[in-house]
N, C-alpha and C. Protein backbone atom coordinates (compact mmCIF):
# COMPACT_ATOMS: atom_id res chain seq x y z
N MET A 1 99.35 -51.46 67.28
CA MET A 1 99.65 -51.42 68.22
C MET A 1 100.29 -49.49 68.34
N PHE A 2 100.89 -49.53 67.02
CA PHE A 2 101.64 -48.26 66.95
C PHE A 2 100.78 -47.11 67.21
N LYS A 3 99.40 -47.11 66.43
CA LYS A 3 98.36 -45.84 66.35
C LYS A 3 97.66 -45.88 67.82
N ASP A 4 97.78 -47.08 68.78
CA ASP A 4 97.26 -46.84 70.02
C ASP A 4 98.17 -46.16 70.71
N ARG A 5 99.64 -46.60 70.49
CA ARG A 5 100.56 -45.55 71.39
C ARG A 5 100.39 -44.08 70.81
N LYS A 6 100.35 -44.28 69.62
CA LYS A 6 100.20 -42.57 69.07
C LYS A 6 98.72 -42.18 69.39
N LYS A 7 97.44 -42.38 70.03
CA LYS A 7 96.61 -42.17 70.38
C LYS A 7 97.00 -41.92 71.95
N LYS A 8 97.70 -42.89 72.52
CA LYS A 8 97.95 -42.57 74.17
C LYS A 8 98.31 -40.71 74.36
N MET A 9 99.57 -40.92 73.07
CA MET A 9 100.69 -39.98 73.58
C MET A 9 99.83 -38.52 73.21
N GLU A 10 99.08 -38.83 72.34
CA GLU A 10 98.36 -37.51 71.80
C GLU A 10 97.00 -37.24 73.01
N PHE A 11 96.73 -38.24 73.63
CA PHE A 11 95.48 -38.26 74.73
C PHE A 11 96.31 -37.59 76.37
N LEU A 12 97.64 -37.46 75.96
CA LEU A 12 98.49 -37.39 77.29
C LEU A 12 99.02 -35.76 77.33
N ALA A 13 99.43 -35.22 75.64
CA ALA A 13 100.01 -34.34 75.27
C ALA A 13 98.52 -33.00 75.49
N ASP A 14 97.14 -33.75 74.96
CA ASP A 14 96.44 -33.14 75.59
C ASP A 14 95.24 -32.35 76.71
N TYR A 15 95.79 -33.88 77.47
CA TYR A 15 95.17 -33.39 79.48
C TYR A 15 96.67 -32.66 79.92
N LEU A 16 98.37 -32.86 79.82
CA LEU A 16 99.10 -31.79 80.44
C LEU A 16 99.14 -30.63 79.67
N GLU A 17 98.73 -30.43 78.86
CA GLU A 17 98.53 -28.97 77.84
C GLU A 17 99.97 -29.10 77.36
N LEU A 18 100.12 -29.58 76.74
CA LEU A 18 101.99 -29.90 76.29
C LEU A 18 101.71 -30.16 74.37
N PRO A 19 102.73 -29.18 73.90
CA PRO A 19 102.53 -28.96 72.60
C PRO A 19 102.95 -30.48 72.14
N LYS A 20 101.88 -30.83 70.51
CA LYS A 20 102.03 -32.22 69.99
C LYS A 20 102.94 -32.12 69.71
N ASP A 21 103.92 -31.58 69.14
CA ASP A 21 105.20 -31.86 68.09
C ASP A 21 105.95 -32.29 69.07
N LEU A 22 105.81 -31.87 70.39
CA LEU A 22 107.37 -32.32 71.15
C LEU A 22 107.10 -34.08 72.06
N MET A 23 105.54 -33.69 72.01
CA MET A 23 104.96 -35.65 72.75
C MET A 23 105.02 -36.73 71.66
N LEU A 24 104.79 -36.03 70.42
CA LEU A 24 104.69 -36.59 68.97
C LEU A 24 105.79 -37.31 68.24
N ASP A 25 106.57 -36.30 68.40
CA ASP A 25 107.96 -36.01 67.53
C ASP A 25 107.54 -35.40 66.26
N LEU A 26 106.76 -34.59 66.11
CA LEU A 26 106.38 -34.08 65.29
C LEU A 26 107.17 -32.96 64.44
N PRO A 27 107.66 -32.85 62.83
CA PRO A 27 107.97 -31.78 62.65
C PRO A 27 106.69 -30.20 62.89
N ARG A 28 108.24 -29.16 63.25
CA ARG A 28 107.04 -27.78 63.43
C ARG A 28 107.36 -27.28 61.58
N ILE A 29 106.56 -26.66 60.93
CA ILE A 29 106.90 -26.20 59.54
C ILE A 29 106.16 -24.45 59.75
N THR A 30 107.21 -24.06 59.40
CA THR A 30 106.57 -22.48 59.32
C THR A 30 107.37 -21.83 58.45
N LEU A 31 105.96 -21.19 57.79
CA LEU A 31 106.16 -20.48 56.05
C LEU A 31 105.72 -18.82 56.40
N LEU A 32 106.83 -18.09 56.13
CA LEU A 32 107.15 -16.95 56.31
C LEU A 32 106.83 -16.22 54.47
N GLY A 33 105.37 -15.81 54.40
CA GLY A 33 105.06 -15.66 52.72
C GLY A 33 105.35 -16.57 51.75
N ASN A 34 106.57 -16.03 51.01
CA ASN A 34 107.01 -17.37 50.25
C ASN A 34 108.47 -17.54 50.41
N LEU A 35 109.26 -16.37 50.80
CA LEU A 35 110.53 -15.92 51.06
C LEU A 35 111.00 -16.48 52.04
N GLN A 36 110.69 -17.38 53.56
CA GLN A 36 111.18 -18.07 54.56
C GLN A 36 110.95 -19.43 54.96
N LEU A 37 111.15 -20.40 55.25
CA LEU A 37 110.66 -21.36 56.08
C LEU A 37 111.48 -21.77 56.81
N ILE A 38 111.03 -22.31 58.21
CA ILE A 38 111.70 -22.73 59.46
C ILE A 38 111.23 -24.10 59.68
N ILE A 39 111.84 -25.05 59.79
CA ILE A 39 111.85 -26.54 60.02
C ILE A 39 112.38 -26.99 61.25
N GLU A 40 111.62 -26.72 62.30
CA GLU A 40 112.33 -27.40 63.85
C GLU A 40 111.70 -29.05 63.69
N ASN A 41 112.42 -29.77 64.33
CA ASN A 41 112.07 -31.07 64.82
C ASN A 41 112.36 -31.69 63.79
N HIS A 42 113.71 -31.52 62.30
CA HIS A 42 114.15 -32.54 61.70
C HIS A 42 115.05 -33.58 61.91
N ARG A 43 115.72 -34.05 60.63
CA ARG A 43 116.33 -35.18 60.97
C ARG A 43 117.18 -35.45 60.05
N GLY A 44 117.39 -34.26 59.25
CA GLY A 44 119.01 -34.21 58.42
C GLY A 44 118.37 -33.82 57.38
N ILE A 45 119.44 -33.02 56.56
CA ILE A 45 119.06 -33.28 54.56
C ILE A 45 119.74 -34.13 54.05
N ILE A 46 118.70 -34.47 53.15
CA ILE A 46 118.78 -35.66 51.71
C ILE A 46 119.99 -34.86 51.08
N GLU A 47 118.86 -33.71 50.18
CA GLU A 47 119.30 -33.03 48.79
C GLU A 47 119.08 -31.53 48.98
N TYR A 48 119.97 -31.08 48.61
CA TYR A 48 120.56 -29.47 48.32
C TYR A 48 120.80 -28.96 47.46
N THR A 49 119.98 -28.20 46.31
CA THR A 49 120.55 -27.49 45.48
C THR A 49 119.93 -26.19 45.35
N LYS A 50 119.86 -25.34 44.26
CA LYS A 50 119.53 -23.34 44.88
C LYS A 50 117.75 -24.36 44.42
N GLU A 51 117.68 -25.05 43.39
CA GLU A 51 115.74 -25.18 42.89
C GLU A 51 115.33 -26.10 44.27
N ARG A 52 115.96 -27.08 44.61
CA ARG A 52 114.94 -28.05 45.93
C ARG A 52 116.35 -28.32 46.63
N ILE A 53 115.22 -28.55 47.80
CA ILE A 53 115.91 -29.25 48.94
C ILE A 53 115.24 -30.25 49.32
N ARG A 54 115.52 -31.32 50.22
CA ARG A 54 114.80 -32.47 50.66
C ARG A 54 115.54 -32.67 51.91
N ILE A 55 114.71 -32.72 53.38
CA ILE A 55 114.53 -32.56 54.29
C ILE A 55 113.70 -33.38 55.11
N SER A 56 114.54 -34.70 55.67
CA SER A 56 113.75 -35.92 56.80
C SER A 56 113.19 -35.79 57.90
N THR A 57 112.05 -35.79 57.97
CA THR A 57 111.53 -35.92 59.19
C THR A 57 110.76 -37.01 59.60
N SER A 58 110.21 -36.84 60.71
CA SER A 58 109.11 -38.08 61.09
C SER A 58 108.32 -38.53 60.57
N LEU A 59 107.49 -37.73 59.76
CA LEU A 59 106.81 -37.91 58.98
C LEU A 59 106.77 -38.09 57.18
N GLY A 60 108.03 -38.16 56.63
CA GLY A 60 108.63 -38.45 55.79
C GLY A 60 109.74 -37.72 55.40
N GLU A 61 109.48 -37.41 53.78
CA GLU A 61 110.56 -36.29 53.15
C GLU A 61 109.29 -34.96 53.23
N LEU A 62 110.07 -33.71 53.38
CA LEU A 62 109.83 -32.40 53.13
C LEU A 62 110.71 -32.50 51.65
N LEU A 63 109.97 -31.99 50.68
CA LEU A 63 110.69 -31.37 49.18
C LEU A 63 110.04 -30.27 49.36
N ILE A 64 111.01 -28.90 49.11
CA ILE A 64 111.21 -27.89 49.35
C ILE A 64 111.37 -26.95 47.50
N ASP A 65 110.69 -26.57 46.85
CA ASP A 65 110.98 -26.16 45.16
C ASP A 65 111.34 -25.17 45.17
N GLY A 66 111.86 -24.13 44.41
CA GLY A 66 111.73 -22.52 44.23
C GLY A 66 113.08 -22.14 43.58
N GLU A 67 113.59 -20.95 43.63
CA GLU A 67 114.78 -20.38 43.15
C GLU A 67 114.98 -19.64 43.94
N GLY A 68 116.60 -19.60 43.82
CA GLY A 68 117.59 -19.26 44.90
C GLY A 68 117.60 -19.86 46.16
N LEU A 69 117.10 -20.83 46.10
CA LEU A 69 116.85 -21.41 47.67
C LEU A 69 118.28 -21.72 48.36
N VAL A 70 118.42 -21.18 49.54
CA VAL A 70 119.52 -21.24 50.89
C VAL A 70 119.36 -21.54 51.62
N LEU A 71 120.34 -22.09 52.32
CA LEU A 71 120.31 -22.78 53.72
C LEU A 71 120.30 -21.78 54.50
N ARG A 72 120.25 -20.52 55.27
CA ARG A 72 120.58 -19.78 55.89
C ARG A 72 121.02 -20.48 57.43
N ASN A 73 120.55 -21.31 58.27
CA ASN A 73 120.23 -21.44 59.84
C ASN A 73 120.46 -23.28 59.54
N ILE A 74 121.77 -23.89 59.69
CA ILE A 74 121.78 -24.99 59.97
C ILE A 74 122.00 -25.97 61.78
N PHE A 75 120.78 -25.83 62.38
CA PHE A 75 120.87 -26.74 63.81
C PHE A 75 120.59 -27.69 64.12
N PRO A 76 120.88 -28.71 64.70
CA PRO A 76 120.06 -29.53 64.99
C PRO A 76 119.02 -29.97 65.03
N ASP A 77 118.19 -28.64 65.43
CA ASP A 77 116.53 -28.96 65.86
C ASP A 77 116.13 -27.98 64.71
N GLU A 78 116.78 -27.08 64.12
CA GLU A 78 116.00 -26.58 63.14
C GLU A 78 117.25 -26.11 62.38
N ILE A 79 116.24 -26.11 60.97
CA ILE A 79 116.54 -25.50 59.39
C ILE A 79 115.89 -24.41 58.96
N ALA A 80 116.57 -23.00 58.35
CA ALA A 80 115.91 -22.20 58.29
C ALA A 80 116.14 -21.97 56.36
N VAL A 81 115.12 -21.99 55.42
CA VAL A 81 115.73 -21.99 54.21
C VAL A 81 115.33 -20.06 53.38
N ASP A 82 116.01 -19.36 52.37
CA ASP A 82 115.83 -18.24 52.21
C ASP A 82 115.47 -18.42 50.86
N GLY A 83 114.77 -17.84 50.48
CA GLY A 83 114.73 -17.72 48.84
C GLY A 83 113.24 -17.95 48.39
N LYS A 84 113.06 -17.92 46.95
CA LYS A 84 111.25 -17.76 46.46
C LYS A 84 111.21 -19.22 46.84
N ILE A 85 110.20 -19.18 47.36
CA ILE A 85 109.22 -20.92 47.48
C ILE A 85 108.06 -20.75 46.45
N THR A 86 108.43 -21.82 45.59
CA THR A 86 107.65 -21.78 44.91
C THR A 86 106.33 -23.19 45.17
N SER A 87 106.71 -24.13 45.70
CA SER A 87 106.13 -25.13 46.85
C SER A 87 106.80 -26.02 47.56
N LEU A 88 105.96 -26.76 48.51
CA LEU A 88 106.23 -27.64 49.56
C LEU A 88 105.34 -29.03 49.19
N LYS A 89 106.00 -30.30 49.77
CA LYS A 89 104.99 -31.36 49.85
C LYS A 89 106.01 -32.02 50.53
N LEU A 90 104.71 -32.65 51.53
CA LEU A 90 105.50 -34.04 52.43
C LEU A 90 105.10 -35.45 51.98
N VAL A 91 106.16 -36.16 51.33
CA VAL A 91 106.49 -37.70 50.77
C VAL A 91 106.47 -38.31 52.23
N GLU A 92 105.33 -39.16 52.20
CA GLU A 92 105.68 -40.39 53.38
C GLU A 92 106.30 -41.57 52.90
């Protein structure tokens, strides 16, 4: 049934020409080179070190590995990460 609801919401987003990330509660992840990452529509920070950041999203955990990672902005709807980003991984 969940998949049916998801398909209905996706159809509605297409029909009304609305952003799918808002209608389906999906995170929007923007990577600028390997120096900055912006995550919108997140669910909170799980772990934060200079080498790894774990962020909760509606799809699972987003793992960010790198060097000198710093949380530049932390807002209820957006997180910005600066530093040398070496890998991104989404774990469901």
